[in-house]
Each structure stands twice: as C-alpha cells, then as structure tokens.
Protein backbone atom coordinates (compact mmCIF):
# COMPACT_ATOMS: atom_id res chain seq x y z
CA MET A 1 -45.63 -71.29 -204.77
CA ILE A 2 -44.76 -72.81 -201.37
CA TYR A 3 -41.10 -72.70 -202.40
CA TRP A 4 -41.28 -68.98 -203.19
CA ILE A 5 -43.02 -68.10 -199.92
CA ALA A 6 -40.39 -70.01 -197.95
CA ILE A 7 -37.58 -68.09 -199.61
CA ILE A 8 -39.31 -64.73 -199.28
CA ARG A 9 -40.13 -65.10 -195.59
CA VAL A 10 -36.48 -65.80 -194.82
CA ASN A 11 -34.88 -63.34 -197.21
CA PHE A 12 -37.14 -60.29 -197.25
CA VAL A 13 -34.08 -58.08 -196.85
CA TYR A 14 -33.23 -58.56 -200.52
CA PRO A 15 -35.82 -56.46 -202.40
CA VAL A 16 -33.74 -55.97 -205.53
CA ILE A 17 -33.56 -59.70 -206.29
CA LEU A 18 -37.30 -60.08 -205.91
CA SER A 19 -38.03 -56.98 -208.00
CA ILE A 20 -36.29 -58.68 -210.94
CA PHE A 21 -38.73 -61.56 -210.55
CA PHE A 22 -41.69 -59.20 -210.60
CA GLN A 23 -40.45 -57.35 -213.66
CA LYS A 24 -40.79 -60.55 -215.67
CA THR A 25 -44.26 -61.32 -214.36
CA LYS A 26 -47.57 -59.84 -215.51
CA MET A 27 -50.56 -60.69 -213.33
CA ASN A 28 -54.29 -60.23 -213.18
CA TYR A 29 -54.53 -58.36 -209.90
CA LYS A 30 -57.55 -59.16 -207.77
CA ALA A 31 -56.86 -57.19 -204.58
CA VAL A 32 -55.06 -54.10 -203.29
CA ILE A 33 -53.51 -53.72 -199.84
CA PHE A 34 -52.96 -50.11 -198.79
CA ASP A 35 -50.70 -48.61 -196.19
CA LEU A 36 -52.62 -45.95 -194.23
CA ASP A 37 -50.58 -42.88 -193.22
CA GLY A 38 -48.93 -41.21 -196.20
CA THR A 39 -50.86 -43.42 -198.62
CA LEU A 40 -54.60 -43.10 -198.01
CA LEU A 41 -54.53 -40.43 -195.29
CA ASN A 42 -52.48 -37.26 -194.98
CA SER A 43 -51.98 -37.44 -191.24
CA LEU A 44 -48.60 -35.75 -190.99
CA GLU A 45 -49.63 -32.50 -189.31
CA ASP A 46 -51.67 -34.17 -186.56
CA ILE A 47 -48.79 -36.55 -185.84
CA ALA A 48 -46.31 -33.66 -185.78
CA ASP A 49 -48.52 -31.47 -183.61
CA SER A 50 -49.08 -34.26 -181.08
CA ALA A 51 -45.41 -35.20 -180.86
CA ASN A 52 -44.33 -31.56 -180.64
CA SER A 53 -46.82 -31.00 -177.83
CA VAL A 54 -45.18 -33.78 -175.85
CA LEU A 55 -41.72 -32.38 -176.51
CA SER A 56 -42.81 -28.87 -175.52
CA ASN A 57 -44.24 -30.16 -172.26
CA HIS A 58 -40.73 -31.32 -171.37
CA ASP A 59 -39.00 -28.17 -172.66
CA LEU A 60 -37.41 -30.14 -175.48
CA PRO A 61 -36.84 -28.80 -179.01
CA THR A 62 -39.66 -29.43 -181.47
CA HIS A 63 -39.50 -30.28 -185.18
CA LYS A 64 -41.03 -29.01 -188.40
CA PRO A 65 -43.89 -31.13 -189.81
CA ASP A 66 -41.72 -32.22 -192.75
CA ASP A 67 -39.16 -33.65 -190.30
CA TYR A 68 -41.77 -36.17 -189.21
CA LYS A 69 -41.86 -37.65 -192.69
CA ILE A 70 -38.74 -39.62 -191.77
CA PHE A 71 -39.79 -40.24 -188.16
CA VAL A 72 -43.00 -42.14 -188.92
CA GLY A 73 -43.56 -45.60 -190.32
CA SER A 74 -42.13 -47.93 -187.68
CA GLY A 75 -44.58 -47.44 -184.83
CA ILE A 76 -44.93 -44.95 -181.99
CA SER A 77 -41.88 -46.06 -180.02
CA GLU A 78 -39.60 -45.48 -182.99
CA LEU A 79 -41.37 -42.21 -183.79
CA MET A 80 -40.70 -40.75 -180.36
CA SER A 81 -37.17 -42.16 -180.25
CA ARG A 82 -36.37 -40.34 -183.50
CA ALA A 83 -37.98 -37.12 -182.29
CA LEU A 84 -36.15 -37.04 -178.95
CA PRO A 85 -32.73 -35.35 -178.77
CA GLU A 86 -31.46 -38.03 -176.38
CA LYS A 87 -32.43 -41.69 -176.62
CA ASP A 88 -32.95 -42.69 -173.00
CA PRO A 89 -34.43 -46.22 -172.96
CA ASP A 90 -35.55 -45.73 -169.35
CA THR A 91 -37.87 -42.85 -170.25
CA ILE A 92 -38.96 -43.60 -173.83
CA ASP A 93 -42.01 -45.52 -172.63
CA ASP A 94 -43.20 -42.42 -170.76
CA TYR A 95 -42.95 -40.30 -173.90
CA VAL A 96 -44.76 -42.96 -175.91
CA LYS A 97 -47.60 -43.00 -173.37
CA GLU A 98 -47.90 -39.21 -173.48
CA PHE A 99 -47.92 -39.21 -177.27
CA ARG A 100 -50.67 -41.82 -177.39
CA GLU A 101 -52.80 -39.72 -175.05
CA GLU A 102 -52.18 -36.51 -177.00
CA TYR A 103 -52.69 -38.12 -180.40
CA ALA A 104 -55.89 -39.85 -179.24
CA ARG A 105 -57.33 -36.39 -178.54
CA ASN A 106 -56.14 -34.70 -181.73
CA TRP A 107 -55.61 -37.34 -184.41
CA ASN A 108 -58.40 -36.07 -186.68
CA VAL A 109 -57.98 -32.29 -186.43
CA LYS A 110 -56.21 -31.92 -189.79
CA THR A 111 -56.02 -35.49 -191.09
CA GLU A 112 -57.97 -36.27 -194.26
CA PRO A 113 -57.77 -38.51 -197.34
CA TYR A 114 -55.43 -37.33 -200.08
CA ALA A 115 -56.97 -35.78 -203.17
CA GLY A 116 -58.10 -38.45 -205.60
CA ILE A 117 -58.32 -41.27 -203.04
CA ALA A 118 -62.14 -41.26 -203.00
CA ALA A 119 -62.49 -41.59 -206.79
CA MET A 120 -59.85 -44.30 -206.91
CA LEU A 121 -61.54 -46.36 -204.16
CA ASP A 122 -64.92 -45.92 -205.87
CA GLU A 123 -63.52 -47.37 -209.08
CA LEU A 124 -61.82 -50.30 -207.33
CA VAL A 125 -65.07 -51.21 -205.62
CA SER A 126 -67.00 -50.90 -208.89
CA ARG A 127 -64.53 -53.31 -210.51
CA LYS A 128 -65.06 -55.75 -207.60
CA ILE A 129 -61.41 -55.53 -206.57
CA LYS A 130 -60.94 -56.50 -202.93
CA ILE A 131 -59.36 -53.77 -200.77
CA ALA A 132 -57.52 -53.95 -197.46
CA VAL A 133 -55.52 -51.71 -195.12
CA LEU A 134 -52.31 -52.74 -193.37
CA SER A 135 -50.69 -50.27 -190.97
CA ASN A 136 -48.08 -50.17 -188.23
CA LYS A 137 -50.52 -48.12 -186.14
CA LEU A 138 -52.09 -50.03 -183.27
CA HIS A 139 -54.86 -52.29 -184.58
CA ALA A 140 -57.79 -50.66 -182.76
CA PHE A 141 -56.66 -47.20 -183.79
CA THR A 142 -56.14 -48.25 -187.40
CA LYS A 143 -59.75 -49.46 -187.51
CA GLN A 144 -60.95 -46.22 -185.92
CA CYS A 145 -59.12 -44.12 -188.52
CA VAL A 146 -60.59 -46.11 -191.39
CA ASP A 147 -64.11 -46.16 -189.91
CA GLU A 148 -64.20 -42.42 -189.28
CA LEU A 149 -62.24 -41.01 -192.22
CA LEU A 150 -62.97 -43.59 -194.92
CA PRO A 151 -66.52 -44.64 -193.98
CA ARG A 152 -67.89 -44.79 -197.51
CA TRP A 153 -65.95 -47.90 -198.49
CA LYS A 154 -66.22 -51.37 -197.05
CA PHE A 155 -62.66 -52.63 -196.78
CA ASN A 156 -62.49 -56.40 -196.78
CA ILE A 157 -59.80 -56.37 -194.10
CA VAL A 158 -58.33 -53.64 -191.90
CA MET A 159 -55.27 -54.68 -189.91
CA GLY A 160 -53.01 -52.69 -187.63
CA LEU A 161 -50.18 -53.58 -185.28
CA GLN A 162 -50.99 -56.49 -182.96
CA ASN A 163 -48.99 -58.02 -180.13
CA ASP A 164 -48.79 -61.49 -181.65
CA ILE A 165 -47.72 -60.36 -185.14
CA PRO A 166 -44.39 -58.68 -185.97
CA PRO A 167 -44.66 -55.22 -187.56
CA LYS A 168 -43.95 -54.43 -191.17
CA PRO A 169 -41.64 -55.02 -193.03
CA ASP A 170 -42.06 -58.57 -191.74
CA PRO A 171 -44.47 -60.11 -194.29
CA THR A 172 -46.54 -62.11 -191.80
CA SER A 173 -49.45 -59.66 -191.64
CA ALA A 174 -49.55 -59.14 -195.40
CA LEU A 175 -49.58 -62.88 -195.99
CA GLN A 176 -52.36 -63.29 -193.43
CA ILE A 177 -54.44 -60.79 -195.37
CA ALA A 178 -53.80 -62.70 -198.59
CA LYS A 179 -54.89 -65.93 -196.90
CA GLN A 180 -58.06 -64.36 -195.51
CA LEU A 181 -58.90 -62.92 -198.93
CA ASN A 182 -58.16 -66.33 -200.47
CA ILE A 183 -56.00 -64.66 -203.12
CA ASP A 184 -52.50 -65.69 -204.14
CA PRO A 185 -50.02 -62.96 -203.08
CA LEU A 186 -48.83 -62.74 -206.68
CA HIS A 187 -52.25 -61.35 -207.59
CA ILE A 188 -52.16 -58.55 -205.01
CA LEU A 189 -50.95 -54.96 -205.40
CA TYR A 190 -49.33 -53.58 -202.27
CA VAL A 191 -49.47 -49.77 -202.16
CA GLY A 192 -47.40 -47.63 -199.81
CA ASP A 193 -45.18 -44.59 -199.43
CA SER A 194 -42.08 -45.86 -197.62
CA ASP A 195 -39.15 -48.26 -197.69
CA ILE A 196 -40.97 -50.39 -195.13
CA ASP A 197 -43.94 -50.79 -197.45
CA MET A 198 -41.82 -51.76 -200.44
CA LYS A 199 -39.90 -54.32 -198.36
CA THR A 200 -43.16 -55.71 -197.01
CA ALA A 201 -44.59 -56.09 -200.50
CA LEU A 202 -41.54 -57.87 -201.86
CA ALA A 203 -41.25 -60.10 -198.81
CA ALA A 204 -44.86 -61.17 -199.28
CA CYS A 205 -44.39 -61.71 -203.05
CA MET A 206 -46.81 -58.90 -203.91
CA HIS A 207 -46.43 -56.17 -206.53
CA PRO A 208 -44.87 -53.12 -204.77
CA VAL A 209 -46.44 -49.80 -205.79
CA GLY A 210 -44.83 -46.64 -204.40
CA VAL A 211 -46.89 -43.46 -204.11
CA LEU A 212 -45.15 -40.13 -204.67
CA TRP A 213 -47.67 -38.00 -202.74
CA GLY A 214 -46.73 -39.52 -199.38
CA PHE A 215 -44.08 -39.04 -196.71
CA ARG A 216 -40.98 -40.46 -198.38
CA THR A 217 -38.99 -39.82 -201.54
CA LYS A 218 -38.95 -41.37 -204.99
CA LYS A 219 -35.32 -42.34 -204.42
CA GLU A 220 -36.17 -44.25 -201.24
CA LEU A 221 -39.00 -46.12 -202.92
CA GLN A 222 -36.88 -47.10 -205.92
CA LYS A 223 -33.96 -48.15 -203.76
CA ASN A 224 -36.18 -50.50 -201.79
CA GLY A 225 -37.74 -52.28 -204.72
CA ALA A 226 -40.78 -50.34 -205.93
CA LYS A 227 -41.81 -51.86 -209.23
CA THR A 228 -44.29 -49.11 -210.05
CA LEU A 229 -44.36 -45.45 -208.97
CA ILE A 230 -47.54 -43.39 -209.24
CA GLU A 231 -48.04 -39.65 -208.85
CA LYS A 232 -51.84 -39.69 -208.57
CA PRO A 233 -54.23 -42.26 -207.07
CA GLN A 234 -56.05 -42.70 -210.39
CA GLU A 235 -52.86 -44.13 -211.92
CA LEU A 236 -53.25 -47.22 -209.78
CA LEU A 237 -56.21 -48.26 -211.90
CA ASP A 238 -53.96 -48.61 -214.95
CA LEU A 239 -52.34 -51.65 -213.32
CA ILE A 240 -55.63 -53.52 -213.03
CA GLU A 241 -57.04 -55.24 -216.09
C-alpha cells in the first residue's frame, strides 16, 4: 500500500494508467468524499451573478451562467482570471477581493442541493457510511456552505482550501481525509463533477465517480479517468455493498 501511495503522489497526472488498476479491483467501500459545487450544491447562478456584478462595476463584458461551468473548479483567482477579458496579474488580486465581498453577500440567493441529494445522503448515513466534503473553496466558507445548506447531515469531515495544503488535484487533502477517517483510500468513493475531481481521486487511489448533473461534461470526466458515471444521486448507492 505504501508503494502505491508513493507512486500516486508523484504521478497523479496519469489518470488512465490508474483507472486500469481500479477496473480490476472490487472493493467494499466504507466512505464517500464529495466535491461541493456542481456535485452536492447547484451554486452556478450565484457564482455567475457575483462575478458578473464585479465585471459590470468595471464596465467589462459579462458572461452567461453556463460559461461559468468551465471557469469554476480551481479557486477564486483562476475563476476571475478566466472571466476577465485581459489577464493583468497586477490587478487580478483586486478583482478577487471584490468577488469575495460580492459572493459573501449573495452566495445563498439561488444555491441549493441538487434534486435527489437529500435522499442519497439519508441512505448513506443509514448504512453507516462515513461522508466527507472536499472543496477548492476557502475552508471557512466551505464549512459555512455545508452548515447552512446541508444542516441535516453530520459530515465526518468538511475540508476546503487551506494555506498549508495544495489545492486539488493534488491528493494531499484527500489523503488527509482518508487518514482522519482511518480508512484505506482504496475503500473510499470520490464523487465529483470535473476533471480536477477525477484526477484527485486517482491520485489518492480512490474510486473516481463522475456526476453528470454538474458543471462539466461526460467527455471531460471520462477523459480524466472516471471509473463510474452516474446520472442521478441514487445511483451512487449501487456501488456500496
């Protein structure tokens, strides 16, 4: 097991090789790690509205909500960089600050759990499956989102972006969750909606599950190593014995 982790941590850019390993392995899964935005929560419109508000304040062109599906996933700095028509490194921090202020005021106007998430979480809890959240949102804000929009379920661990831990797709945070849960990564399902999530799962030696109701496409998920694709939250339960 130590050998596998060493290889994975160094070579997490090779999802296809690792997916072959997973395809030959059937496990008794004991925990599920979820991405947040695009997986548990449909937050796209609030993100788009907040970013567009910042752009409008500077007389810059705005974007359709669907455009933000490819902007999100790598943190706020990357989000605003992708949304801006010109990538000026000297001013990007100012736009990031404005977005944080705008989003802090309006993050929960339209955001809500996707249909079927509640029933799926209820069943996982009833089966005594441990559940966790791992997001590239700032840590404090990730916890706030979970506490306010998913209050009915006691997640074992909720982890967002922290200064001393590299963001996904680096597997460090996912492996920390596995260690805290005291569960071998091979016995964990990692559920997300983007290439970053699939790469994170494979890098951490977890089973990568791509959701088709989120922000990214089936093609992107398959290309980046998704072993399983699900169209509805309830389908996740079929993977757990």
